[in-house]
Amino acid sequence: MRITLVHPAGFNFVPGQPDITTLANRMAPIGILSLAAWLEKHGHNATVHDCLGPRAPRTLEANADAILATNPDMVGFSATTAGFMDAADIAAIIKSRRPEIKTIFGNVHASAIGPKLLKYFPEIDYLCVGEGEGLMLDLVEGRALAEIPNLAYRDTSAPDGIRFNLRRSRIQDLDSLPFPAYEKLDGFPSGYHLPLFSYIKRWGATMITSRGCPYTCSFCDRTVFERLHRYNSAAYIYEHMRHLRDHFGVYHINIYDDLFTAHKKRVYELCELLINKPLGVGFNCAIRTGHDDLEMLKLLKRAGALMVSLGVESADPEMMRRHKAGVTLDAVRETVDRIHTAGLRAKGLFIFGLPGETPDTVRATSDFILSLDLDEMNMTKFSPLYGAPIWDECASGAEGAFTEDWRLLNCLNFTFIPKGFSSREEMDALYNWHIQRYYNSKPYRRRFAKHIWQHRWSLWHLVTHLPRTVQAARYFYANREKLEAMKKDFPLHPRQPVNLRATLGPELQADLNA
C-alpha cells in the first residue's frame, strides 16, 4: 500500500504572505517521519509531505495537488488543534477529486476529542486515538477494522454509526522503533533549522527520546502518549545522534522530550558514551526542577550540551500551586544557579494567561524572570487544549472569556481572557511590555554580546533571508490596522463545531477521561 503522511501548516494570520515564523524555527515533523520509517520497515511505501516545508506550496489546493501527485492509497494527517482545520480542508479537496483514497487523522486533536470528530467531518475515514505505529500497520496490512485497537471508524451497525475500539497497550520498547525517516523530508536538513541563537554548529535537527510524562500540569495534553513514561536507551540515542551526523551532516540537536532527565541513569550513561566516544555533536534538552543535580549538569556540559530549558510558567505562588504542582520559586532559582555553575546556558519557559492570571501576576513573573539572569526566555500565550485538565474550566466560562477557534489555539494568540483582564488588547500590551523589557535589559544584552560570534550561523541565516523578512515586515506594517481588526472580529471557520468534547455521551466522555 502507498501511504502519504501529511503535516498540515495551520493558520497564518497574514493572508497570502509566507509564514515568517518559520524563519526563526522550522522543525522537522518527527511524528510522521517516525511512522514513515516504521511502515517502510514493514514493506510499505510511505511518502512525507510537510505543508510547512521550505519548498511546500502556500495554498490548500496546491498542497492537495502535491499530495495527490504521490498517487496514494491512503493519506494520513498528523494534526494539532491549530492545524486540524487546514488538514480537514485538504482532506475534503482530496476526497472530492479521488473519493476512493482513504484518510486517517491522528495526533493530539484526534486523541483528545475522539470519535465524535467523524460525525462532523465526513472527509475523515478513520481516527487514530493514541500511538499510531501498531494501528497504522494493522490498517495498511488489511486487518479487520473491528480488530484494530486505537481505531475509530464508521459502522452502520453501531448505535450512533461510529465504533471506537479499545486502546492498545503502549509500546514499551522504544528501541524497537527505527530512526525517523529524515531522508523523506524535502529540503532536510538545510531547509530546517533550530530556533535562532540556540545552536553554535550547523546543521540542526530535532529528536524525541521518550514518550509520556507522569506529571499532571493543568495546561498539558497527555492523550496521545499518556502518563506512562517510556524512553530510548542511552545506546539507541547515541546511535541516533551518530546517524544524523553521518548521513545528514547534523551537528546540533534539540531534544524535545517532555522530561529528558526523568531517568537519571539513562542520562549518565548517554553522557559517558558521548564523553568517551565523542561525536562532535552539540545538543539542548529540557529538565524539570527536582530532576537535576550539579554532577549531572556538569556531565551534560562535558557531553556537549549547550543549553537546558526548564518550565517555570509563573512567579505567582498560587498560580504555581494550581498549574504546576511540585515546583517552587526557590527551587527554580537554585536550579538556574546549578545550571550556570555547570557552565551551561539556562532557558526559562513561561506561560502568560492561565486561569487566575492578573496584571499583577504578570508583572511579578517579569520581575522574577529578570532576577534569574537567564540566558534565554520563552513566554507562551496560553491556549486551552482539549486534552488538558484545565480545559473544562476554560470552556465553561467560569474563569474568563474563551474564543474557541481551533485555528488560533497555537500559543501565539490570546484566545482565553482571564477574569483579571478586560480585553485581549490589554493582554497583548502587557505581553509586549515584558518582551521588550527582557530583551532590552542590560544583563541580556551583555550575555548576548558575549556569545554573538558563536552564533554566526544564525546571523548568516538572518542575512540570507533578509529580503523575505523585509517584504513580510512591510506588508505587516502597511496593513497592521486591517490585520488587527481581523484578529478582533475573526470569523469562526464555518465547518468547526464549538466545544465538541462537551457534546460527547457520558460513557464515551468517561472512557476518554480514563
Protein backbone atom coordinates (compact mmCIF):
# COMPACT_ATOMS: atom_id res chain seq x y z
CA MET A 1 0.00 0.00 0.00
CA ARG A 2 1.14 3.54 -0.78
CA ILE A 3 0.71 5.91 2.17
CA THR A 4 1.34 9.65 2.19
CA LEU A 5 1.74 11.21 5.63
CA VAL A 6 0.97 14.92 5.89
CA HIS A 7 1.97 17.65 8.34
CA PRO A 8 -0.57 20.50 7.86
CA ALA A 9 0.58 24.08 8.21
CA GLY A 10 -2.08 25.57 10.43
CA PHE A 11 -3.42 29.08 10.14
CA ASN A 12 -1.35 32.07 9.04
CA PHE A 13 -2.78 35.43 10.10
CA VAL A 14 -1.23 37.26 7.13
CA PRO A 15 -3.29 36.02 4.17
CA GLY A 16 -1.29 35.40 1.03
CA GLN A 17 2.01 36.03 2.76
CA PRO A 18 4.65 33.49 3.84
CA ASP A 19 4.64 32.49 7.48
CA ILE A 20 7.78 34.26 8.67
CA THR A 21 7.76 32.36 11.98
CA THR A 22 9.43 29.56 10.02
CA LEU A 23 12.42 31.86 9.50
CA ALA A 24 13.08 31.71 13.24
CA ASN A 25 12.39 27.99 13.68
CA ARG A 26 11.32 25.23 11.30
CA MET A 27 11.09 21.84 12.99
CA ALA A 28 11.03 18.52 11.23
CA PRO A 29 7.69 16.72 11.82
CA ILE A 30 9.17 13.88 13.87
CA GLY A 31 5.86 12.06 14.39
CA ILE A 32 5.12 11.32 10.74
CA LEU A 33 8.81 10.72 9.98
CA SER A 34 8.78 8.01 12.64
CA LEU A 35 5.59 6.49 11.21
CA ALA A 36 7.06 6.57 7.70
CA ALA A 37 10.17 4.70 8.88
CA TRP A 38 8.01 2.15 10.72
CA LEU A 39 5.84 1.47 7.65
CA GLU A 40 8.86 1.22 5.35
CA LYS A 41 10.45 -1.24 7.78
CA HIS A 42 7.42 -3.47 7.24
CA GLY A 43 7.46 -3.23 3.46
CA HIS A 44 5.04 -0.38 2.73
CA ASN A 45 5.72 2.65 0.54
CA ALA A 46 5.50 5.80 2.68
CA THR A 47 5.84 9.40 1.46
CA VAL A 48 6.02 12.51 3.65
CA HIS A 49 4.55 15.90 2.74
CA ASP A 50 5.27 18.83 5.07
CA CYS A 51 3.00 21.80 4.37
CA LEU A 52 5.43 23.95 6.39
CA GLY A 53 8.45 22.68 4.48
CA PRO A 54 10.84 25.05 2.69
CA ARG A 55 9.52 24.10 -0.75
CA ALA A 56 5.88 23.46 0.12
CA PRO A 57 3.09 25.33 -1.72
CA ARG A 58 1.27 28.09 0.15
CA THR A 59 -2.36 27.26 -0.67
CA LEU A 60 -4.54 24.36 0.46
CA GLU A 61 -5.36 23.46 -3.14
CA ALA A 62 -1.70 23.36 -4.18
CA ASN A 63 -0.83 21.17 -1.20
CA ALA A 64 -3.68 18.83 -2.10
CA ASP A 65 -2.30 18.67 -5.65
CA ALA A 66 1.16 17.78 -4.32
CA ILE A 67 -0.28 15.02 -2.12
CA LEU A 68 -2.34 13.57 -4.98
CA ALA A 69 0.77 13.59 -7.18
CA THR A 70 2.23 10.90 -4.88
CA ASN A 71 -0.63 8.61 -6.02
CA PRO A 72 -1.52 7.40 -2.52
CA ASP A 73 -3.94 4.69 -1.49
CA MET A 74 -4.19 6.30 1.95
CA VAL A 75 -3.38 9.77 3.32
CA GLY A 76 -2.61 10.24 7.00
CA PHE A 77 -2.79 13.66 8.65
CA SER A 78 -0.93 14.44 11.86
CA ALA A 79 -2.90 17.39 13.19
CA THR A 80 -2.53 19.55 16.24
CA THR A 81 -5.61 21.52 17.24
CA ALA A 82 -4.34 24.60 15.38
CA GLY A 83 -3.61 22.59 12.25
CA PHE A 84 -6.76 20.47 12.24
CA MET A 85 -8.99 22.68 10.06
CA ASP A 86 -6.27 23.02 7.42
CA ALA A 87 -5.92 19.24 7.43
CA ALA A 88 -9.70 18.77 7.15
CA ASP A 89 -9.90 21.23 4.25
CA ILE A 90 -7.07 19.47 2.39
CA ALA A 91 -8.71 16.09 3.04
CA ALA A 92 -12.01 17.42 1.64
CA ILE A 93 -10.25 18.52 -1.56
CA ILE A 94 -8.58 15.11 -1.88
CA LYS A 95 -11.87 13.29 -1.34
CA SER A 96 -13.67 15.48 -3.91
CA ARG A 97 -11.13 14.52 -6.56
CA ARG A 98 -10.37 10.92 -5.61
CA PRO A 99 -13.04 9.61 -3.23
CA GLU A 100 -11.50 6.12 -3.16
CA ILE A 101 -8.47 7.37 -1.21
CA LYS A 102 -8.79 6.58 2.48
CA THR A 103 -7.94 9.29 5.01
CA ILE A 104 -6.86 8.89 8.63
CA PHE A 105 -6.26 11.60 11.24
CA GLY A 106 -4.06 11.30 14.31
CA ASN A 107 -2.08 13.32 16.86
CA VAL A 108 -3.37 15.32 19.82
CA HIS A 109 -6.60 16.76 18.41
CA ALA A 110 -7.93 13.40 17.27
CA SER A 111 -6.86 11.75 20.52
CA ALA A 112 -8.29 14.44 22.80
CA ILE A 113 -11.71 14.75 21.14
CA GLY A 114 -12.02 11.22 19.84
CA PRO A 115 -14.63 9.54 17.63
CA LYS A 116 -17.13 12.42 17.65
CA LEU A 117 -14.98 14.13 15.00
CA LEU A 118 -16.23 11.57 12.47
CA LYS A 119 -19.79 12.89 12.82
CA TYR A 120 -18.77 16.40 11.78
CA PHE A 121 -16.07 15.70 9.18
CA PRO A 122 -17.22 13.21 6.52
CA GLU A 123 -13.88 13.52 4.68
CA ILE A 124 -12.21 11.61 7.54
CA ASP A 125 -12.47 7.83 7.24
CA TYR A 126 -10.51 6.81 10.33
CA LEU A 127 -9.20 8.30 13.55
CA CYS A 128 -6.11 7.15 15.42
CA VAL A 129 -6.56 7.71 19.15
CA GLY A 130 -3.18 7.34 20.87
CA GLU A 131 0.06 5.90 19.49
CA GLY A 132 -0.03 5.27 15.77
CA GLU A 133 2.55 2.60 14.89
CA GLY A 134 0.53 -0.52 15.67
CA LEU A 135 -2.71 0.90 14.31
CA MET A 136 -1.20 2.06 11.02
CA LEU A 137 0.47 -1.27 10.39
CA ASP A 138 -2.75 -3.18 11.13
CA LEU A 139 -4.70 -0.87 8.86
CA VAL A 140 -2.42 -0.98 5.82
CA GLU A 141 -1.99 -4.75 6.11
CA GLY A 142 -5.73 -5.28 5.88
CA ARG A 143 -6.63 -6.39 9.39
CA ALA A 144 -10.38 -6.26 10.08
CA LEU A 145 -11.36 -2.82 11.36
CA ALA A 146 -13.12 -4.26 14.40
CA GLU A 147 -9.84 -5.88 15.47
CA ILE A 148 -7.62 -2.78 15.37
CA PRO A 149 -7.14 -1.14 18.79
CA ASN A 150 -6.99 2.68 18.95
CA LEU A 151 -9.15 2.94 15.81
CA ALA A 152 -12.38 4.93 15.43
CA TYR A 153 -14.39 4.42 12.24
CA ARG A 154 -17.90 4.50 10.81
CA ASP A 155 -20.03 1.38 11.26
CA THR A 156 -23.73 1.37 10.41
CA SER A 157 -24.32 -1.43 12.92
CA ALA A 158 -23.08 0.73 15.81
CA PRO A 159 -25.76 2.58 17.83
CA ASP A 160 -24.61 6.04 16.69
CA GLY A 161 -22.94 4.92 13.46
CA ILE A 162 -19.42 5.15 14.89
CA ARG A 163 -17.35 2.46 16.50
CA PHE A 164 -14.37 3.10 18.76
CA ASN A 165 -12.14 0.14 19.57
CA LEU A 166 -10.33 -0.14 22.87
CA ARG A 167 -6.95 1.50 23.44
CA ARG A 168 -4.00 -0.76 22.76
CA SER A 169 -1.11 -1.31 25.14
CA ARG A 170 1.60 1.31 24.80
CA ILE A 171 4.86 0.42 23.09
CA GLN A 172 7.23 -0.50 25.90
CA ASP A 173 10.46 -1.00 23.96
CA LEU A 174 11.04 2.27 22.09
CA ASP A 175 14.41 0.93 20.91
CA SER A 176 12.46 -1.44 18.64
CA LEU A 177 11.39 1.55 16.53
CA PRO A 178 13.58 2.65 13.59
CA PHE A 179 15.09 6.12 13.42
CA PRO A 180 12.73 8.69 11.84
CA ALA A 181 12.89 8.74 8.04
CA TYR A 182 14.56 12.16 7.77
CA GLU A 183 15.56 11.33 4.21
CA LYS A 184 11.91 11.60 3.13
CA LEU A 185 11.75 15.25 4.14
CA ASP A 186 12.23 17.56 1.17
CA GLY A 187 14.95 20.09 2.00
CA PHE A 188 16.31 18.39 5.12
CA PRO A 189 18.48 19.44 6.86
CA SER A 190 19.38 22.75 5.18
CA GLY A 191 15.77 23.90 4.90
CA TYR A 192 15.02 23.08 8.53
CA HIS A 193 16.65 24.89 11.39
CA LEU A 194 16.59 25.22 15.14
CA PRO A 195 15.49 28.40 16.96
CA LEU A 196 17.85 31.26 16.20
CA PHE A 197 20.78 31.68 18.61
CA SER A 198 20.13 28.30 20.25
CA TYR A 199 22.94 26.49 18.46
CA ILE A 200 26.58 27.01 17.54
CA LYS A 201 27.21 24.29 14.97
CA ARG A 202 25.06 23.60 11.95
CA TRP A 203 23.13 21.84 10.58
CA GLY A 204 20.46 21.25 13.20
CA ALA A 205 17.80 18.61 13.83
CA THR A 206 15.31 17.55 16.48
CA MET A 207 14.93 14.30 18.37
CA ILE A 208 12.39 12.85 20.79
CA THR A 209 13.82 10.12 23.03
CA SER A 210 10.91 9.32 25.35
CA ARG A 211 7.12 9.18 25.49
CA GLY A 212 4.70 10.02 28.25
CA CYS A 213 5.01 12.13 31.38
CA PRO A 214 3.96 11.19 34.93
CA TYR A 215 3.11 14.78 35.89
CA THR A 216 -0.27 16.46 35.52
CA CYS A 217 0.38 20.13 34.75
CA SER A 218 -3.01 21.75 34.25
CA PHE A 219 -2.30 23.06 30.75
CA CYS A 220 -0.76 19.97 29.17
CA ASP A 221 -2.47 17.43 26.89
CA ARG A 222 -1.35 13.83 27.56
CA THR A 223 -3.94 11.99 25.44
CA VAL A 224 -1.53 10.56 22.84
CA PHE A 225 1.33 9.06 24.89
CA GLU A 226 -0.42 9.30 28.28
CA ARG A 227 1.31 9.33 31.66
CA LEU A 228 3.39 6.15 31.44
CA HIS A 229 6.99 7.32 30.93
CA ARG A 230 8.98 5.23 28.44
CA TYR A 231 12.34 6.05 26.91
CA ASN A 232 15.04 5.06 24.47
CA SER A 233 18.22 3.62 25.91
CA ALA A 234 21.44 5.64 26.01
CA ALA A 235 22.95 3.40 23.32
CA TYR A 236 19.99 3.98 20.99
CA ILE A 237 20.17 7.77 21.46
CA TYR A 238 23.91 7.74 20.80
CA GLU A 239 23.44 5.80 17.55
CA HIS A 240 20.57 8.09 16.55
CA MET A 241 22.85 11.11 17.00
CA ARG A 242 25.60 9.36 15.01
CA HIS A 243 23.04 8.58 12.27
CA LEU A 244 22.07 12.25 11.98
CA ARG A 245 25.72 13.31 11.85
CA ASP A 246 26.96 10.71 9.38
CA HIS A 247 24.01 10.69 6.98
CA PHE A 248 22.86 14.32 7.08
CA GLY A 249 25.76 16.38 8.41
CA VAL A 250 23.84 17.40 11.53
CA TYR A 251 26.00 18.81 14.32
CA HIS A 252 23.45 20.20 16.78
CA ILE A 253 20.32 18.52 18.11
CA ASN A 254 17.39 19.81 20.13
CA ILE A 255 15.97 17.00 22.26
CA TYR A 256 12.27 17.79 22.70
CA ASP A 257 11.40 15.29 25.43
CA ASP A 258 8.84 16.45 27.96
CA LEU A 259 11.15 15.21 30.71
CA PHE A 260 14.59 14.28 29.39
CA THR A 261 16.17 13.87 32.85
CA ALA A 262 13.36 11.79 34.40
CA HIS A 263 15.57 8.67 34.37
CA LYS A 264 18.97 9.79 35.66
CA LYS A 265 20.77 6.51 34.99
CA ARG A 266 19.98 6.87 31.27
CA VAL A 267 21.31 10.45 31.22
CA TYR A 268 24.53 9.40 32.97
CA GLU A 269 25.02 6.51 30.53
CA LEU A 270 24.45 8.75 27.50
CA CYS A 271 26.87 11.37 28.80
CA GLU A 272 29.54 8.74 29.42
CA LEU A 273 29.14 7.48 25.85
CA LEU A 274 29.41 10.98 24.39
CA ILE A 275 32.43 11.79 26.56
CA ASN A 276 34.30 8.54 25.89
CA LYS A 277 33.40 8.34 22.18
CA PRO A 278 32.79 11.97 21.13
CA LEU A 279 30.60 12.63 18.10
CA GLY A 280 31.33 16.35 17.94
CA VAL A 281 27.58 16.99 18.12
CA GLY A 282 26.12 19.62 20.44
CA PHE A 283 22.65 19.40 21.94
CA ASN A 284 20.00 21.14 24.01
CA CYS A 285 17.49 19.44 26.30
CA ALA A 286 14.76 20.18 28.85
CA ILE A 287 14.85 19.39 32.54
CA ARG A 288 12.36 19.71 35.38
CA THR A 289 13.23 21.30 38.69
CA GLY A 290 13.75 18.42 41.11
CA HIS A 291 15.11 16.14 38.38
CA ASP A 292 18.62 17.58 38.28
CA ASP A 293 21.81 17.80 40.30
CA LEU A 294 25.13 19.54 39.80
CA GLU A 295 27.02 16.35 38.90
CA MET A 296 24.55 15.50 36.14
CA LEU A 297 24.56 19.05 34.77
CA LYS A 298 28.37 19.04 34.64
CA LEU A 299 28.27 15.72 32.78
CA LEU A 300 25.78 17.17 30.29
CA LYS A 301 28.18 20.05 29.68
CA ARG A 302 31.13 17.71 29.10
CA ALA A 303 28.99 15.58 26.78
CA GLY A 304 28.26 18.54 24.50
CA ALA A 305 25.15 20.19 25.94
CA LEU A 306 24.90 23.92 25.24
CA MET A 307 21.62 24.92 26.89
CA VAL A 308 18.98 23.35 29.12
CA SER A 309 15.40 24.55 29.43
CA LEU A 310 13.11 24.32 32.42
CA GLY A 311 9.42 25.01 32.70
CA VAL A 312 8.55 27.63 35.30
CA GLU A 313 5.29 29.06 33.90
CA SER A 314 4.65 31.78 36.54
CA ALA A 315 6.20 33.55 39.52
CA ASP A 316 2.95 33.74 41.44
CA PRO A 317 2.95 31.03 44.18
CA GLU A 318 -0.80 30.45 43.92
CA MET A 319 -0.60 30.10 40.13
CA MET A 320 2.26 27.62 40.57
CA ARG A 321 0.29 25.51 43.06
CA ARG A 322 -2.67 25.49 40.74
CA HIS A 323 -0.98 24.79 37.44
CA LYS A 324 2.43 23.23 38.11
CA ALA A 325 2.30 21.41 41.42
CA GLY A 326 5.58 20.37 42.99
CA VAL A 327 7.72 23.24 41.66
CA THR A 328 8.59 26.20 43.89
CA LEU A 329 10.22 29.50 43.00
CA ASP A 330 13.10 28.90 45.41
CA ALA A 331 13.77 25.54 43.74
CA VAL A 332 13.70 27.19 40.31
CA ARG A 333 16.25 29.77 41.41
CA GLU A 334 18.51 27.04 42.82
CA THR A 335 18.23 25.04 39.58
CA VAL A 336 19.21 28.03 37.44
CA ASP A 337 22.20 28.64 39.72
CA ARG A 338 23.29 24.99 39.29
CA ILE A 339 22.91 25.23 35.51
CA HIS A 340 25.18 28.26 35.39
CA THR A 341 27.66 26.71 37.82
CA ALA A 342 27.93 23.74 35.46
CA GLY A 343 28.80 26.11 32.59
CA LEU A 344 25.51 25.60 30.73
CA ARG A 345 23.10 28.17 29.41
CA ALA A 346 19.70 28.36 31.14
CA LYS A 347 16.44 28.95 29.29
CA GLY A 348 13.23 29.60 31.22
CA LEU A 349 9.82 28.64 29.82
CA PHE A 350 6.78 30.65 30.96
CA ILE A 351 3.07 30.87 30.17
CA PHE A 352 1.06 34.09 30.14
CA GLY A 353 -2.72 33.97 30.51
CA LEU A 354 -3.56 30.87 32.55
CA PRO A 355 -6.72 30.97 34.65
CA GLY A 356 -6.02 33.15 37.69
CA GLU A 357 -3.63 35.45 35.80
CA THR A 358 -3.82 39.19 36.50
CA PRO A 359 -1.68 42.16 35.51
CA ASP A 360 -0.02 41.93 38.92
CA THR A 361 0.95 38.25 38.47
CA VAL A 362 2.40 39.04 35.04
CA ARG A 363 4.49 41.89 36.42
CA ALA A 364 5.68 39.66 39.26
CA THR A 365 6.66 36.99 36.73
CA SER A 366 8.50 39.59 34.64
CA ASP A 367 10.43 40.75 37.72
CA PHE A 368 11.27 37.15 38.58
CA ILE A 369 12.50 36.43 35.06
CA LEU A 370 14.87 39.36 35.12
CA SER A 371 16.14 38.37 38.57
CA LEU A 372 17.08 34.86 37.36
CA ASP A 373 19.72 36.13 34.95
CA LEU A 374 18.53 33.68 32.30
CA ASP A 375 20.42 33.26 29.03
CA GLU A 376 17.18 32.88 27.11
CA MET A 377 13.47 33.04 27.80
CA ASN A 378 10.27 32.00 26.10
CA MET A 379 6.86 33.28 27.18
CA THR A 380 3.97 31.44 25.56
CA LYS A 381 0.48 32.83 25.16
CA PHE A 382 -1.77 30.30 26.88
CA SER A 383 -4.01 28.25 24.61
CA PRO A 384 -6.59 25.93 26.20
CA LEU A 385 -6.21 22.42 24.76
CA TYR A 386 -8.93 19.77 24.65
CA GLY A 387 -6.97 17.07 26.42
CA ALA A 388 -5.61 19.28 29.21
CA PRO A 389 -7.02 19.07 32.76
CA ILE A 390 -7.81 22.82 32.65
CA TRP A 391 -9.96 22.56 29.50
CA ASP A 392 -13.37 22.26 31.16
CA GLU A 393 -12.72 25.28 33.38
CA CYS A 394 -11.78 27.40 30.38
CA ALA A 395 -14.61 26.18 28.14
CA SER A 396 -17.24 26.70 30.86
CA GLY A 397 -16.58 30.44 31.05
CA ALA A 398 -16.24 30.31 34.82
CA GLU A 399 -12.62 31.52 34.76
CA GLY A 400 -12.81 34.00 31.89
CA ALA A 401 -13.88 34.57 28.30
CA PHE A 402 -12.83 31.97 25.72
CA THR A 403 -12.91 32.24 21.92
CA GLU A 404 -12.88 28.63 20.83
CA ASP A 405 -11.38 28.85 17.37
CA TRP A 406 -9.19 25.83 16.79
CA ARG A 407 -7.06 27.66 14.23
CA LEU A 408 -5.98 30.19 16.86
CA LEU A 409 -5.08 27.65 19.58
CA ASN A 410 -1.41 27.75 18.65
CA CYS A 411 0.11 29.56 21.67
CA LEU A 412 0.56 32.67 19.51
CA ASN A 413 -2.84 34.27 20.20
CA PHE A 414 -4.73 35.16 23.36
CA THR A 415 -7.95 33.20 22.91
CA PHE A 416 -8.64 32.94 26.64
CA ILE A 417 -9.03 36.16 28.65
CA PRO A 418 -8.83 35.53 32.41
CA LYS A 419 -11.18 37.43 34.70
CA GLY A 420 -8.29 39.65 35.77
CA PHE A 421 -8.12 41.26 32.31
CA SER A 422 -10.60 43.40 30.43
CA SER A 423 -9.54 42.61 26.85
CA ARG A 424 -7.12 40.84 24.56
CA GLU A 425 -5.60 44.23 23.74
CA GLU A 426 -4.69 44.72 27.40
CA MET A 427 -3.01 41.31 27.46
CA ASP A 428 -1.12 41.94 24.23
CA ALA A 429 0.14 45.27 25.54
CA LEU A 430 1.41 43.70 28.76
CA TYR A 431 2.96 40.81 26.84
CA ASN A 432 4.81 43.20 24.53
CA TRP A 433 5.94 45.25 27.51
CA HIS A 434 7.58 42.20 29.08
CA ILE A 435 9.23 41.04 25.83
CA GLN A 436 10.76 44.45 25.23
CA ARG A 437 11.76 44.76 28.87
CA TYR A 438 13.60 41.42 28.84
CA TYR A 439 15.42 41.79 25.53
CA ASN A 440 16.35 45.41 26.23
CA SER A 441 17.71 44.63 29.68
CA LYS A 442 21.42 45.21 30.20
CA PRO A 443 22.10 41.67 31.57
CA TYR A 444 20.55 40.04 28.49
CA ARG A 445 22.37 42.33 26.09
CA ARG A 446 25.62 41.64 27.89
CA ARG A 447 25.13 37.86 27.65
CA PHE A 448 24.06 38.08 24.02
CA ALA A 449 27.07 40.21 23.04
CA LYS A 450 29.35 37.75 24.79
CA HIS A 451 28.09 34.88 22.63
CA ILE A 452 27.37 36.71 19.37
CA TRP A 453 30.30 35.32 17.38
CA GLN A 454 29.39 31.78 18.40
CA HIS A 455 26.08 32.34 16.64
CA ARG A 456 27.49 33.33 13.25
CA TRP A 457 25.37 30.68 11.53
CA SER A 458 22.21 32.24 12.99
CA LEU A 459 23.42 35.64 11.78
CA TRP A 460 24.14 34.18 8.35
CA HIS A 461 20.65 32.68 8.28
CA LEU A 462 19.12 36.08 9.06
CA VAL A 463 21.19 37.83 6.39
CA THR A 464 20.35 35.32 3.66
CA HIS A 465 16.62 35.64 4.43
CA LEU A 466 16.65 39.41 4.88
CA PRO A 467 14.70 40.21 1.65
CA ARG A 468 11.89 37.87 2.68
CA THR A 469 11.82 39.28 6.20
CA VAL A 470 11.71 42.87 4.93
CA GLN A 471 8.92 42.01 2.48
CA ALA A 472 6.81 40.44 5.21
CA ALA A 473 7.51 43.30 7.62
CA ARG A 474 6.50 45.90 5.03
CA TYR A 475 3.26 44.05 4.36
CA PHE A 476 2.51 43.83 8.07
CA TYR A 477 3.13 47.50 8.82
CA ALA A 478 1.21 48.62 5.75
CA ASN A 479 -1.80 46.52 6.76
CA ARG A 480 -1.46 46.42 10.54
CA GLU A 481 -4.80 48.15 11.25
CA LYS A 482 -6.63 45.78 8.94
CA LEU A 483 -4.87 42.77 10.44
CA GLU A 484 -5.62 43.87 14.00
CA ALA A 485 -9.28 44.34 13.08
CA MET A 486 -9.26 40.90 11.50
CA LYS A 487 -7.91 39.38 14.71
CA LYS A 488 -10.59 41.11 16.73
CA ASP A 489 -13.51 40.02 14.56
CA PHE A 490 -12.09 36.89 13.02
CA PRO A 491 -14.97 34.64 11.91
CA LEU A 492 -15.08 31.08 13.15
CA HIS A 493 -14.32 28.52 10.45
CA PRO A 494 -17.76 27.63 9.04
CA ARG A 495 -17.10 23.91 9.45
CA GLN A 496 -15.84 23.94 13.04
CA PRO A 497 -18.25 22.74 15.74
CA VAL A 498 -17.79 24.59 19.02
CA ASN A 499 -16.85 22.74 22.23
CA LEU A 500 -17.19 19.39 20.55
CA ARG A 501 -15.96 17.49 23.58
CA ALA A 502 -18.91 18.74 25.60
CA THR A 503 -21.29 17.02 23.16
CA LEU A 504 -19.88 13.56 23.83
CA GLY A 505 -22.06 11.00 25.53
CA PRO A 506 -21.25 10.30 29.21
CA GLU A 507 -19.92 6.80 28.52
CA LEU A 508 -17.51 7.96 25.82
CA GLN A 509 -16.54 11.01 27.88
CA ALA A 510 -15.64 8.73 30.80
CA ASP A 511 -13.62 6.46 28.51
CA LEU A 512 -11.60 9.38 27.10
CA ASN A 513 -11.02 10.80 30.57
CA ALA A 514 -9.75 7.40 31.73
